[in-house]
Amino acid sequence: MKNNISIEESTREEQLEIDDRIIEYNNRKVPFTQPHAFIPVNRVIKSENGEIIAGVNSVLYGWNCLYIDVLWVKEEFRSKGYGSILLNEVEKVAQEYGCDLIHLDTFDFQAKTFYIKHGYTVFGVLEDCPDRHKRYYMTKNI
């Protein structure tokens, strides 16, 4: 390594600068097809008393692709349709923005079967992530 450089932990501002620079680069190479680089598509389901019982965090990025980062349902509310409601909602919003591709990842101890039931297919598997488990990369065309 050269003597005149340093490697440091980045600040929040530096992280944002790096994000902005890769967004700018990507947009120059393949122009974005949506008005903003990232459009959050996040939803929650609350009980009558305001408690969050399910939620999804996802983002439309660059080229009208939807990445589902997190879909969570409180354990006692699982298998009651709340995950399906949220998944259908973000898919509907994605379609309204002209999205035709959704992708996500899930672990073998999470919701692979749930996503397959909703039309997602596995396009990649990361073995031993975490140890003795698999991480599945999934996609769906809408």
Protein backbone atom coordinates (compact mmCIF):
# COMPACT_ATOMS: atom_id res chain seq x y z
CA MET A 1 0.00 0.00 0.00
CA LYS A 2 1.16 3.52 -0.68
CA ASN A 3 2.56 5.49 2.25
CA ASN A 4 0.44 8.61 1.64
CA ILE A 5 -3.01 7.08 2.23
CA SER A 6 -4.95 6.10 5.32
CA ILE A 7 -7.84 3.77 5.97
CA GLU A 8 -10.31 5.02 8.54
CA GLU A 9 -13.79 4.24 9.77
CA SER A 10 -16.12 6.46 7.78
CA THR A 11 -18.45 9.00 9.31
CA ARG A 12 -22.16 9.05 8.50
CA GLU A 13 -21.54 11.98 6.16
CA GLU A 14 -18.78 10.06 4.37
CA GLN A 15 -21.07 7.03 4.00
CA LEU A 16 -23.68 9.26 2.37
CA GLU A 17 -21.04 10.76 0.07
CA ILE A 18 -19.99 7.28 -1.07
CA ASP A 19 -23.66 6.41 -1.68
CA ASP A 20 -24.12 9.61 -3.71
CA ARG A 21 -21.04 8.87 -5.80
CA ILE A 22 -22.12 5.32 -6.74
CA ILE A 23 -25.64 6.59 -7.52
CA GLU A 24 -24.16 9.26 -9.80
CA TYR A 25 -21.91 6.71 -11.50
CA ASN A 26 -24.73 4.19 -12.00
CA ASN A 27 -27.05 6.84 -13.42
CA ARG A 28 -24.36 7.91 -15.92
CA LYS A 29 -23.84 4.32 -17.08
CA VAL A 30 -27.52 3.26 -17.16
CA PRO A 31 -29.88 6.23 -16.75
CA PHE A 32 -32.51 5.77 -14.07
CA THR A 33 -36.07 5.18 -15.21
CA GLN A 34 -37.71 6.56 -12.07
CA PRO A 35 -37.83 10.14 -10.71
CA HIS A 36 -35.63 9.49 -7.65
CA ALA A 37 -32.78 7.03 -7.18
CA PHE A 38 -34.51 5.43 -4.18
CA ILE A 39 -38.21 5.45 -3.35
CA PRO A 40 -39.02 3.80 -0.01
CA VAL A 41 -42.03 1.47 0.00
CA ASN A 42 -42.53 0.68 3.69
CA ARG A 43 -45.72 -0.45 5.40
CA VAL A 44 -46.81 -1.59 8.86
CA ILE A 45 -49.89 -3.36 10.18
CA LYS A 46 -50.96 -2.28 13.66
CA SER A 47 -53.31 -3.78 16.18
CA GLU A 48 -56.25 -1.85 17.61
CA ASN A 49 -54.01 -0.55 20.42
CA GLY A 50 -51.38 0.72 17.95
CA GLU A 51 -48.87 -2.09 18.41
CA ILE A 52 -46.92 -3.01 15.28
CA ILE A 53 -47.70 -6.63 14.48
CA ALA A 54 -46.17 -6.80 10.98
CA GLY A 55 -44.13 -4.67 8.64
CA VAL A 56 -42.21 -4.56 5.40
CA ASN A 57 -39.28 -2.33 4.42
CA SER A 58 -38.54 -2.18 0.73
CA VAL A 59 -37.20 0.25 -1.83
CA LEU A 60 -37.70 0.97 -5.50
CA TYR A 61 -34.33 1.78 -6.93
CA GLY A 62 -32.92 3.29 -10.09
CA TRP A 63 -34.63 1.31 -12.77
CA ASN A 64 -38.03 0.59 -11.21
CA CYS A 65 -36.76 -2.53 -9.46
CA LEU A 66 -38.09 -3.34 -6.00
CA TYR A 67 -35.80 -4.74 -3.33
CA ILE A 68 -37.58 -6.16 -0.28
CA ASP A 69 -35.17 -5.73 2.61
CA VAL A 70 -37.29 -6.92 5.54
CA LEU A 71 -40.72 -8.51 5.91
CA TRP A 72 -41.55 -9.34 9.52
CA VAL A 73 -44.64 -10.62 11.32
CA LYS A 74 -44.83 -10.95 15.09
CA GLU A 75 -44.73 -14.66 15.95
CA GLU A 76 -48.24 -15.00 17.37
CA PHE A 77 -49.67 -13.39 14.21
CA ARG A 78 -47.85 -15.62 11.70
CA SER A 79 -49.85 -17.86 9.35
CA LYS A 80 -52.83 -15.50 9.60
CA GLY A 81 -52.28 -13.74 6.26
CA TYR A 82 -50.52 -10.59 7.44
CA GLY A 83 -47.31 -11.33 5.52
CA SER A 84 -49.34 -11.92 2.35
CA ILE A 85 -51.20 -8.65 2.85
CA LEU A 86 -47.93 -6.73 3.13
CA LEU A 87 -46.31 -8.53 0.20
CA ASN A 88 -49.33 -7.88 -2.00
CA GLU A 89 -49.33 -4.22 -0.95
CA VAL A 90 -45.70 -3.53 -1.87
CA GLU A 91 -46.11 -5.47 -5.12
CA LYS A 92 -49.15 -3.31 -5.97
CA VAL A 93 -47.23 -0.09 -5.24
CA ALA A 94 -44.28 -1.36 -7.28
CA GLN A 95 -46.56 -2.04 -10.25
CA GLU A 96 -47.99 1.47 -9.95
CA TYR A 97 -44.44 2.78 -10.41
CA GLY A 98 -43.91 0.57 -13.46
CA CYS A 99 -41.82 -2.02 -11.68
CA ASP A 100 -41.59 -5.46 -13.22
CA LEU A 101 -38.81 -7.03 -11.15
CA ILE A 102 -38.69 -7.71 -7.40
CA HIS A 103 -35.86 -9.36 -5.50
CA LEU A 104 -35.07 -10.26 -1.91
CA ASP A 105 -33.12 -12.68 0.21
CA THR A 106 -34.17 -14.98 3.02
CA PHE A 107 -32.49 -17.59 5.18
CA ASP A 108 -33.42 -21.27 5.37
CA PHE A 109 -34.86 -20.64 8.86
CA GLN A 110 -37.03 -17.77 7.64
CA ALA A 111 -39.59 -17.61 4.83
CA LYS A 112 -38.37 -19.32 1.64
CA THR A 113 -41.55 -21.44 1.35
CA PHE A 114 -43.73 -18.35 1.93
CA TYR A 115 -42.08 -16.52 -0.96
CA ILE A 116 -42.26 -19.54 -3.28
CA LYS A 117 -45.99 -19.73 -2.51
CA HIS A 118 -46.22 -16.12 -3.75
CA GLY A 119 -44.44 -16.79 -7.04
CA TYR A 120 -40.83 -16.05 -6.15
CA THR A 121 -38.04 -18.29 -7.44
CA VAL A 122 -34.55 -18.93 -6.12
CA PHE A 123 -31.78 -17.61 -8.36
CA GLY A 124 -28.88 -18.09 -5.97
CA VAL A 125 -27.87 -19.77 -2.74
CA LEU A 126 -25.10 -18.77 -0.35
CA GLU A 127 -23.98 -21.82 1.60
CA ASP A 128 -22.89 -21.63 5.26
CA CYS A 129 -24.30 -18.17 5.80
CA PRO A 130 -24.56 -18.42 8.77
CA ASP A 131 -22.68 -21.63 9.54
CA ARG A 132 -24.67 -24.76 8.53
CA HIS A 133 -27.44 -22.60 7.03
CA LYS A 134 -28.30 -21.18 3.62
CA ARG A 135 -29.21 -17.74 2.39
CA TYR A 136 -31.55 -17.79 -0.61
CA TYR A 137 -31.68 -15.03 -3.21
CA MET A 138 -35.10 -14.85 -4.82
CA THR A 139 -36.83 -12.93 -7.58
CA LYS A 140 -40.25 -12.42 -9.11
CA ASN A 141 -41.35 -10.77 -12.31
CA ILE A 142 -44.63 -8.85 -11.98
